N, C-alpha and C. Protein backbone atom coordinates (compact mmCIF):
# COMPACT_ATOMS: atom_id res chain seq x y z
N MET A 1 155.54 -83.82 -21.17
CA MET A 1 156.63 -84.60 -21.82
C MET A 1 157.94 -84.26 -21.11
N ALA A 2 158.68 -85.22 -20.76
CA ALA A 2 159.95 -84.95 -20.06
C ALA A 2 161.03 -84.50 -21.04
N THR A 3 161.92 -83.69 -20.52
CA THR A 3 163.13 -83.25 -21.25
C THR A 3 164.19 -84.23 -21.11
N SER A 4 164.79 -84.72 -22.17
CA SER A 4 165.85 -85.70 -22.06
C SER A 4 167.19 -85.06 -21.83
N SER A 5 167.46 -83.86 -22.35
CA SER A 5 168.76 -83.18 -22.17
C SER A 5 168.66 -81.78 -22.76
N THR A 6 169.46 -80.91 -22.24
CA THR A 6 169.50 -79.57 -22.74
C THR A 6 170.73 -79.30 -23.68
N VAL A 7 171.49 -80.37 -23.98
CA VAL A 7 172.68 -80.27 -24.78
C VAL A 7 172.46 -79.53 -26.11
N ALA A 8 171.45 -79.99 -26.90
CA ALA A 8 171.26 -79.39 -28.22
C ALA A 8 170.87 -77.87 -28.10
N THR A 9 170.00 -77.57 -27.14
CA THR A 9 169.61 -76.21 -26.91
C THR A 9 170.80 -75.32 -26.54
N VAL A 10 171.64 -75.83 -25.64
CA VAL A 10 172.79 -75.05 -25.22
C VAL A 10 173.79 -74.90 -26.34
N ARG A 11 174.00 -75.92 -27.12
CA ARG A 11 174.89 -75.75 -28.28
C ARG A 11 174.46 -74.66 -29.20
N THR A 12 173.22 -74.68 -29.58
CA THR A 12 172.67 -73.64 -30.42
C THR A 12 172.81 -72.23 -29.91
N GLN A 13 172.56 -72.13 -28.61
CA GLN A 13 172.60 -70.82 -27.96
C GLN A 13 174.07 -70.35 -27.83
N LEU A 14 175.01 -71.26 -27.57
CA LEU A 14 176.38 -70.86 -27.52
C LEU A 14 176.88 -70.34 -28.88
N VAL A 15 176.51 -70.98 -29.98
CA VAL A 15 176.89 -70.51 -31.29
C VAL A 15 176.32 -69.13 -31.52
N THR A 16 175.08 -68.92 -31.14
CA THR A 16 174.43 -67.58 -31.31
C THR A 16 175.15 -66.48 -30.48
N LEU A 17 175.41 -66.80 -29.21
CA LEU A 17 176.06 -65.81 -28.39
C LEU A 17 177.53 -65.52 -28.72
N ILE A 18 178.22 -66.53 -29.06
CA ILE A 18 179.64 -66.38 -29.43
C ILE A 18 179.74 -65.62 -30.79
N SER A 19 178.88 -65.93 -31.68
CA SER A 19 178.81 -65.24 -32.95
C SER A 19 178.51 -63.74 -32.77
N ALA A 20 177.60 -63.42 -31.88
CA ALA A 20 177.24 -62.01 -31.59
C ALA A 20 178.44 -61.30 -30.96
N ALA A 21 179.11 -61.99 -30.04
CA ALA A 21 180.23 -61.35 -29.34
C ALA A 21 181.48 -61.14 -30.27
N LEU A 22 181.57 -61.97 -31.26
CA LEU A 22 182.78 -61.96 -32.13
C LEU A 22 182.36 -61.91 -33.61
N PRO A 23 181.77 -60.75 -33.99
CA PRO A 23 181.35 -60.62 -35.39
C PRO A 23 182.59 -60.77 -36.29
N GLY A 24 182.42 -61.43 -37.40
CA GLY A 24 183.51 -61.57 -38.38
C GLY A 24 184.29 -62.84 -38.17
N ILE A 25 184.11 -63.52 -37.00
CA ILE A 25 184.77 -64.79 -36.71
C ILE A 25 183.82 -65.93 -37.04
N ALA A 26 184.26 -66.95 -37.74
CA ALA A 26 183.41 -68.09 -38.05
C ALA A 26 183.18 -68.88 -36.80
N VAL A 27 181.90 -69.17 -36.54
CA VAL A 27 181.52 -69.95 -35.36
C VAL A 27 180.52 -70.98 -35.82
N THR A 28 180.81 -72.29 -35.57
CA THR A 28 180.01 -73.37 -36.04
C THR A 28 179.74 -74.41 -34.93
N ARG A 29 178.64 -75.17 -35.08
CA ARG A 29 178.26 -76.18 -34.07
C ARG A 29 179.27 -77.33 -34.03
N THR A 30 179.90 -77.62 -35.18
CA THR A 30 180.88 -78.74 -35.25
C THR A 30 182.09 -78.36 -35.95
N ARG A 31 183.06 -79.20 -35.92
CA ARG A 31 184.36 -78.92 -36.53
C ARG A 31 184.10 -78.81 -38.08
N PRO A 32 184.64 -77.72 -38.67
CA PRO A 32 184.53 -77.64 -40.11
C PRO A 32 185.41 -78.59 -40.87
N ARG A 33 185.10 -78.86 -42.09
CA ARG A 33 185.97 -79.60 -42.97
C ARG A 33 187.26 -78.80 -43.14
N LEU A 34 188.37 -79.44 -43.37
CA LEU A 34 189.65 -78.79 -43.54
C LEU A 34 189.59 -77.70 -44.54
N ALA A 35 188.89 -77.96 -45.69
CA ALA A 35 188.84 -76.98 -46.71
C ALA A 35 187.96 -75.76 -46.39
N GLU A 36 187.11 -75.89 -45.31
CA GLU A 36 186.25 -74.84 -44.85
C GLU A 36 186.76 -74.11 -43.67
N LEU A 37 187.92 -74.52 -43.19
CA LEU A 37 188.51 -73.89 -42.00
C LEU A 37 188.93 -72.46 -42.28
N GLU A 38 188.37 -71.52 -41.53
CA GLU A 38 188.71 -70.15 -41.68
C GLU A 38 189.98 -69.83 -40.98
N ARG A 39 190.63 -68.72 -41.23
CA ARG A 39 191.88 -68.33 -40.52
C ARG A 39 191.61 -68.28 -39.04
N GLU A 40 190.47 -67.78 -38.62
CA GLU A 40 190.05 -67.77 -37.24
C GLU A 40 188.70 -68.48 -37.20
N HIS A 41 188.59 -69.53 -36.48
CA HIS A 41 187.44 -70.36 -36.45
C HIS A 41 187.14 -70.87 -35.06
N ILE A 42 185.93 -70.84 -34.66
CA ILE A 42 185.47 -71.40 -33.37
C ILE A 42 184.39 -72.43 -33.67
N TRP A 43 184.48 -73.52 -32.99
CA TRP A 43 183.49 -74.59 -33.11
C TRP A 43 183.34 -75.32 -31.79
N LEU A 44 182.27 -76.10 -31.68
CA LEU A 44 182.01 -76.96 -30.53
C LEU A 44 182.35 -78.38 -30.85
N GLU A 45 183.09 -79.02 -30.03
CA GLU A 45 183.38 -80.44 -30.27
C GLU A 45 182.12 -81.23 -30.23
N PRO A 46 181.98 -82.31 -31.04
CA PRO A 46 180.76 -83.05 -31.17
C PRO A 46 180.35 -83.81 -29.86
N ARG A 47 181.34 -84.08 -29.00
CA ARG A 47 181.08 -84.94 -27.85
C ARG A 47 180.71 -84.07 -26.62
N ALA A 48 179.63 -84.46 -25.93
CA ALA A 48 179.27 -83.87 -24.68
C ALA A 48 179.33 -85.02 -23.68
N THR A 49 179.98 -84.77 -22.54
CA THR A 49 180.06 -85.80 -21.53
C THR A 49 179.38 -85.35 -20.21
N GLY A 50 178.64 -86.19 -19.59
CA GLY A 50 177.95 -85.78 -18.38
C GLY A 50 177.23 -86.87 -17.71
N ARG A 51 176.25 -86.49 -16.90
CA ARG A 51 175.49 -87.43 -16.12
C ARG A 51 174.12 -86.86 -15.75
N HIS A 52 173.20 -87.72 -15.46
CA HIS A 52 171.93 -87.41 -14.84
C HIS A 52 171.85 -88.05 -13.50
N GLU A 53 171.39 -87.31 -12.49
CA GLU A 53 171.19 -87.83 -11.16
C GLU A 53 169.79 -87.49 -10.71
N ILE A 54 169.24 -88.40 -9.93
CA ILE A 54 167.91 -88.12 -9.39
C ILE A 54 168.06 -86.97 -8.37
N ALA A 55 167.22 -85.92 -8.61
CA ALA A 55 167.38 -84.74 -7.78
C ALA A 55 166.57 -84.83 -6.49
N ALA A 56 165.47 -85.60 -6.52
CA ALA A 56 164.66 -85.76 -5.31
C ALA A 56 163.96 -87.18 -5.36
N ILE A 57 163.91 -87.80 -4.28
CA ILE A 57 163.25 -89.09 -4.20
C ILE A 57 161.82 -88.75 -3.79
N LYS A 58 160.91 -89.20 -4.68
CA LYS A 58 159.50 -89.00 -4.45
C LYS A 58 158.74 -89.98 -5.37
N ALA A 59 157.47 -90.11 -5.12
CA ALA A 59 156.66 -90.97 -5.93
C ALA A 59 156.45 -90.39 -7.31
N GLY A 60 156.33 -91.22 -8.31
CA GLY A 60 156.08 -90.78 -9.69
C GLY A 60 157.38 -90.28 -10.38
N ARG A 61 157.18 -89.44 -11.35
CA ARG A 61 158.26 -88.92 -12.11
C ARG A 61 159.28 -88.19 -11.20
N LYS A 62 160.51 -88.44 -11.37
CA LYS A 62 161.57 -87.86 -10.51
C LYS A 62 162.36 -86.80 -11.31
N PRO A 63 162.45 -85.63 -10.77
CA PRO A 63 163.28 -84.63 -11.45
C PRO A 63 164.77 -85.06 -11.38
N ARG A 64 165.48 -84.68 -12.46
CA ARG A 64 166.92 -85.05 -12.59
C ARG A 64 167.76 -83.83 -12.63
N GLN A 65 168.91 -83.97 -12.08
CA GLN A 65 169.96 -82.92 -12.19
C GLN A 65 170.86 -83.38 -13.32
N GLU A 66 170.94 -82.54 -14.34
CA GLU A 66 171.84 -82.85 -15.49
C GLU A 66 173.04 -82.01 -15.36
N SER A 67 174.21 -82.62 -15.51
CA SER A 67 175.49 -81.89 -15.57
C SER A 67 176.35 -82.48 -16.66
N TYR A 68 176.92 -81.60 -17.46
CA TYR A 68 177.76 -82.08 -18.56
C TYR A 68 178.73 -81.00 -18.96
N THR A 69 179.69 -81.44 -19.80
CA THR A 69 180.73 -80.48 -20.29
C THR A 69 180.69 -80.52 -21.80
N LEU A 70 180.68 -79.31 -22.42
CA LEU A 70 180.90 -79.13 -23.83
C LEU A 70 182.26 -78.50 -23.95
N THR A 71 182.88 -78.68 -25.10
CA THR A 71 184.15 -78.09 -25.37
C THR A 71 184.12 -77.16 -26.59
N ALA A 72 184.51 -75.90 -26.35
CA ALA A 72 184.65 -74.94 -27.46
C ALA A 72 186.11 -75.00 -27.92
N VAL A 73 186.29 -74.95 -29.22
CA VAL A 73 187.66 -74.99 -29.80
C VAL A 73 187.82 -73.72 -30.58
N VAL A 74 188.91 -73.03 -30.27
CA VAL A 74 189.33 -71.81 -31.01
C VAL A 74 190.53 -72.20 -31.89
N SER A 75 190.46 -71.99 -33.18
CA SER A 75 191.53 -72.33 -34.08
C SER A 75 192.00 -71.05 -34.81
N VAL A 76 193.29 -70.81 -34.76
CA VAL A 76 193.87 -69.66 -35.40
C VAL A 76 195.06 -70.12 -36.29
N LEU A 77 195.01 -69.76 -37.54
CA LEU A 77 196.00 -70.12 -38.52
C LEU A 77 196.78 -68.84 -38.87
N ASP A 78 198.11 -68.91 -38.64
CA ASP A 78 199.01 -67.82 -39.02
C ASP A 78 199.87 -68.33 -40.19
N GLN A 79 199.61 -67.94 -41.38
CA GLN A 79 200.28 -68.44 -42.53
C GLN A 79 201.68 -67.84 -42.76
N ASP A 80 202.07 -66.87 -41.94
CA ASP A 80 203.41 -66.30 -41.97
C ASP A 80 204.26 -67.05 -40.97
N GLU A 81 204.92 -68.14 -41.47
CA GLU A 81 205.72 -69.00 -40.59
C GLU A 81 206.80 -68.24 -39.88
N SER A 82 207.25 -67.12 -40.38
CA SER A 82 208.37 -66.32 -39.71
C SER A 82 207.84 -65.66 -38.44
N ASP A 83 206.52 -65.59 -38.23
CA ASP A 83 205.99 -65.01 -37.03
C ASP A 83 206.35 -65.87 -35.79
N GLY A 84 206.47 -67.14 -36.01
CA GLY A 84 206.67 -68.07 -34.92
C GLY A 84 205.32 -68.49 -34.32
N PRO A 85 205.31 -69.50 -33.44
CA PRO A 85 204.07 -70.04 -32.93
C PRO A 85 203.33 -69.13 -31.97
N GLU A 86 204.05 -68.20 -31.29
CA GLU A 86 203.43 -67.40 -30.29
C GLU A 86 202.36 -66.42 -30.77
N VAL A 87 202.49 -66.01 -32.01
CA VAL A 87 201.48 -65.12 -32.59
C VAL A 87 200.12 -65.79 -32.67
N ALA A 88 200.09 -66.96 -33.24
CA ALA A 88 198.85 -67.71 -33.43
C ALA A 88 198.26 -68.09 -32.01
N GLU A 89 199.13 -68.55 -31.15
CA GLU A 89 198.70 -69.03 -29.84
C GLU A 89 198.13 -67.86 -29.02
N ALA A 90 198.80 -66.72 -29.09
CA ALA A 90 198.30 -65.54 -28.35
C ALA A 90 196.92 -65.10 -28.83
N ARG A 91 196.72 -65.10 -30.16
CA ARG A 91 195.45 -64.73 -30.70
C ARG A 91 194.33 -65.75 -30.28
N ALA A 92 194.67 -67.04 -30.28
CA ALA A 92 193.67 -68.05 -29.94
C ALA A 92 193.25 -67.82 -28.49
N LEU A 93 194.23 -67.49 -27.65
CA LEU A 93 193.92 -67.32 -26.21
C LEU A 93 193.08 -66.04 -26.00
N VAL A 94 193.29 -64.99 -26.82
CA VAL A 94 192.41 -63.81 -26.74
C VAL A 94 191.01 -64.18 -27.08
N LEU A 95 190.86 -64.94 -28.16
CA LEU A 95 189.47 -65.35 -28.58
C LEU A 95 188.87 -66.21 -27.52
N LEU A 96 189.70 -67.10 -26.89
CA LEU A 96 189.15 -67.96 -25.83
C LEU A 96 188.64 -67.14 -24.68
N SER A 97 189.36 -66.02 -24.37
CA SER A 97 188.88 -65.17 -23.24
C SER A 97 187.63 -64.50 -23.56
N GLU A 98 187.31 -64.22 -24.84
CA GLU A 98 186.02 -63.68 -25.26
C GLU A 98 184.90 -64.66 -24.96
N ILE A 99 185.14 -65.92 -25.18
CA ILE A 99 184.12 -66.98 -24.86
C ILE A 99 183.93 -66.96 -23.35
N GLU A 100 184.99 -66.90 -22.59
CA GLU A 100 184.85 -66.82 -21.10
C GLU A 100 184.00 -65.64 -20.72
N ASP A 101 184.17 -64.49 -21.41
CA ASP A 101 183.34 -63.32 -21.11
C ASP A 101 181.90 -63.55 -21.39
N VAL A 102 181.58 -64.23 -22.49
CA VAL A 102 180.19 -64.57 -22.80
C VAL A 102 179.59 -65.37 -21.64
N LEU A 103 180.29 -66.33 -21.13
CA LEU A 103 179.77 -67.12 -20.02
C LEU A 103 179.67 -66.32 -18.73
N ALA A 104 180.65 -65.43 -18.48
CA ALA A 104 180.61 -64.66 -17.28
C ALA A 104 179.48 -63.62 -17.30
N ASP A 105 179.22 -63.05 -18.49
CA ASP A 105 178.20 -62.01 -18.63
C ASP A 105 176.77 -62.54 -18.35
N ASP A 106 176.53 -63.78 -18.71
CA ASP A 106 175.23 -64.41 -18.48
C ASP A 106 175.39 -65.90 -18.30
N PRO A 107 175.59 -66.33 -17.01
CA PRO A 107 175.77 -67.79 -16.81
C PRO A 107 174.62 -68.65 -17.23
N ARG A 108 173.45 -68.02 -17.42
CA ARG A 108 172.33 -68.82 -17.87
C ARG A 108 172.19 -68.76 -19.37
N LEU A 109 173.01 -68.03 -20.09
CA LEU A 109 173.08 -67.97 -21.56
C LEU A 109 171.78 -67.54 -22.16
N GLY A 110 171.01 -66.76 -21.40
CA GLY A 110 169.72 -66.35 -21.92
C GLY A 110 168.70 -67.50 -21.93
N LEU A 111 168.95 -68.57 -21.21
CA LEU A 111 168.13 -69.76 -21.21
C LEU A 111 167.59 -69.98 -19.82
N ALA A 112 167.27 -68.92 -19.07
CA ALA A 112 166.70 -69.04 -17.75
C ALA A 112 165.51 -69.98 -17.80
N GLY A 113 165.42 -70.88 -16.90
CA GLY A 113 164.35 -71.90 -16.93
C GLY A 113 164.73 -73.15 -17.61
N ALA A 114 165.71 -73.07 -18.54
CA ALA A 114 166.14 -74.25 -19.21
C ALA A 114 167.45 -74.81 -18.58
N ILE A 115 168.28 -73.91 -18.17
CA ILE A 115 169.57 -74.36 -17.49
C ILE A 115 169.69 -73.53 -16.17
N ASP A 116 170.45 -74.09 -15.23
CA ASP A 116 170.80 -73.36 -14.02
C ASP A 116 171.95 -72.43 -14.24
N TRP A 117 173.02 -72.97 -14.87
CA TRP A 117 174.16 -72.22 -15.20
C TRP A 117 175.13 -72.89 -16.11
N ALA A 118 175.99 -72.10 -16.73
CA ALA A 118 177.08 -72.55 -17.56
C ALA A 118 178.28 -71.78 -17.17
N THR A 119 179.45 -72.42 -17.06
CA THR A 119 180.64 -71.74 -16.67
C THR A 119 181.89 -72.33 -17.28
N ALA A 120 182.90 -71.53 -17.47
CA ALA A 120 184.14 -72.02 -18.00
C ALA A 120 184.79 -72.94 -17.04
N SER A 121 185.49 -73.95 -17.54
CA SER A 121 186.18 -74.93 -16.68
C SER A 121 187.65 -75.11 -17.23
N GLU A 122 187.98 -76.33 -17.49
CA GLU A 122 189.35 -76.60 -17.90
C GLU A 122 189.66 -76.06 -19.26
N PHE A 123 190.93 -75.73 -19.49
CA PHE A 123 191.30 -75.31 -20.83
C PHE A 123 192.56 -76.02 -21.26
N GLU A 124 192.88 -75.92 -22.57
CA GLU A 124 194.03 -76.53 -23.15
C GLU A 124 194.48 -75.66 -24.30
N SER A 125 195.77 -75.57 -24.53
CA SER A 125 196.31 -74.82 -25.62
C SER A 125 197.40 -75.57 -26.30
N GLN A 126 197.39 -75.61 -27.64
CA GLN A 126 198.47 -76.26 -28.36
C GLN A 126 198.69 -75.50 -29.66
N VAL A 127 199.92 -75.60 -30.15
CA VAL A 127 200.25 -74.90 -31.38
C VAL A 127 201.27 -75.77 -32.15
N PHE A 128 201.10 -75.86 -33.43
CA PHE A 128 201.98 -76.69 -34.21
C PHE A 128 202.08 -76.14 -35.62
N LEU A 129 203.07 -76.62 -36.35
CA LEU A 129 203.24 -76.19 -37.71
C LEU A 129 202.47 -77.15 -38.60
N SER A 130 201.51 -76.61 -39.28
CA SER A 130 200.53 -77.43 -40.07
C SER A 130 200.98 -77.46 -41.57
N ALA A 131 200.81 -78.63 -42.14
CA ALA A 131 201.15 -78.76 -43.56
C ALA A 131 199.96 -78.41 -44.39
N GLU A 132 198.74 -78.70 -43.93
CA GLU A 132 197.54 -78.40 -44.70
C GLU A 132 196.39 -78.10 -43.74
N PRO A 133 195.96 -76.89 -43.60
CA PRO A 133 196.51 -75.69 -44.27
C PRO A 133 197.90 -75.36 -43.70
N GLU A 134 198.68 -74.63 -44.50
CA GLU A 134 200.08 -74.39 -44.23
C GLU A 134 200.20 -73.19 -43.31
N GLY A 135 200.99 -73.34 -42.24
CA GLY A 135 201.28 -72.22 -41.32
C GLY A 135 201.26 -72.73 -39.86
N TRP A 136 201.37 -71.78 -38.92
CA TRP A 136 201.24 -72.08 -37.56
C TRP A 136 199.76 -72.19 -37.19
N LEU A 137 199.37 -73.32 -36.64
CA LEU A 137 197.98 -73.53 -36.31
C LEU A 137 197.88 -73.66 -34.74
N ALA A 138 197.16 -72.77 -34.09
CA ALA A 138 196.99 -72.84 -32.70
C ALA A 138 195.56 -73.24 -32.39
N GLU A 139 195.38 -74.15 -31.44
CA GLU A 139 194.06 -74.57 -31.04
C GLU A 139 193.98 -74.39 -29.50
N ALA A 140 193.04 -73.61 -29.09
CA ALA A 140 192.78 -73.43 -27.59
C ALA A 140 191.40 -74.01 -27.36
N LYS A 141 191.34 -74.87 -26.36
CA LYS A 141 190.04 -75.49 -26.02
C LYS A 141 189.59 -75.02 -24.64
N LEU A 142 188.31 -74.83 -24.54
CA LEU A 142 187.68 -74.40 -23.26
C LEU A 142 186.55 -75.35 -22.88
N GLY A 143 186.62 -75.98 -21.77
CA GLY A 143 185.50 -76.74 -21.26
C GLY A 143 184.36 -75.83 -20.77
N ILE A 144 183.15 -76.13 -21.07
CA ILE A 144 182.03 -75.38 -20.61
C ILE A 144 181.15 -76.30 -19.84
N ASP A 145 181.09 -76.15 -18.53
CA ASP A 145 180.33 -77.00 -17.62
C ASP A 145 178.91 -76.40 -17.55
N VAL A 146 177.93 -77.28 -17.72
CA VAL A 146 176.52 -76.87 -17.68
C VAL A 146 175.77 -77.66 -16.71
N VAL A 147 174.89 -77.03 -15.92
CA VAL A 147 174.05 -77.72 -14.96
C VAL A 147 172.57 -77.28 -15.23
N ALA A 148 171.73 -78.32 -15.29
CA ALA A 148 170.26 -78.00 -15.55
C ALA A 148 169.43 -78.91 -14.68
N ARG A 149 168.18 -78.52 -14.46
CA ARG A 149 167.24 -79.37 -13.76
C ARG A 149 166.25 -79.87 -14.76
N LEU A 150 166.15 -81.17 -14.91
CA LEU A 150 165.18 -81.80 -15.90
C LEU A 150 163.98 -82.33 -15.17
N THR A 151 162.84 -82.25 -15.84
CA THR A 151 161.65 -82.79 -15.23
C THR A 151 161.16 -84.02 -15.96
């Protein structure tokens, strides 16, 4: 049976690895409801974007090269508005670097045979004063590029 994609497997493994690297930090496969948002929370955006390309021209079933990007989001809420935005943003970027370390420590994410590699790519950081929940809310996003060979 052919494998259609490694996205679901990689999502699950990322949650497992990030949770192990950051005990005490909430890590979820998808964005939590606002009422469930922890002061420090990491989740994976629901959208994965990528492509499949024929890896070799041959008769019969053709192996495919799968490449896609997942996005990890680090959210930090600082309810002490007198701290200013830099406290929340700095903490979000520290947590983001921990995710980069997870990827650097094992680019195959413990999934040798399932993926070729996963690596950090583009990032984004934003901070704003939030009304609900109240306080400075920083969100740092990290693209995670994944390449796999599908049969």
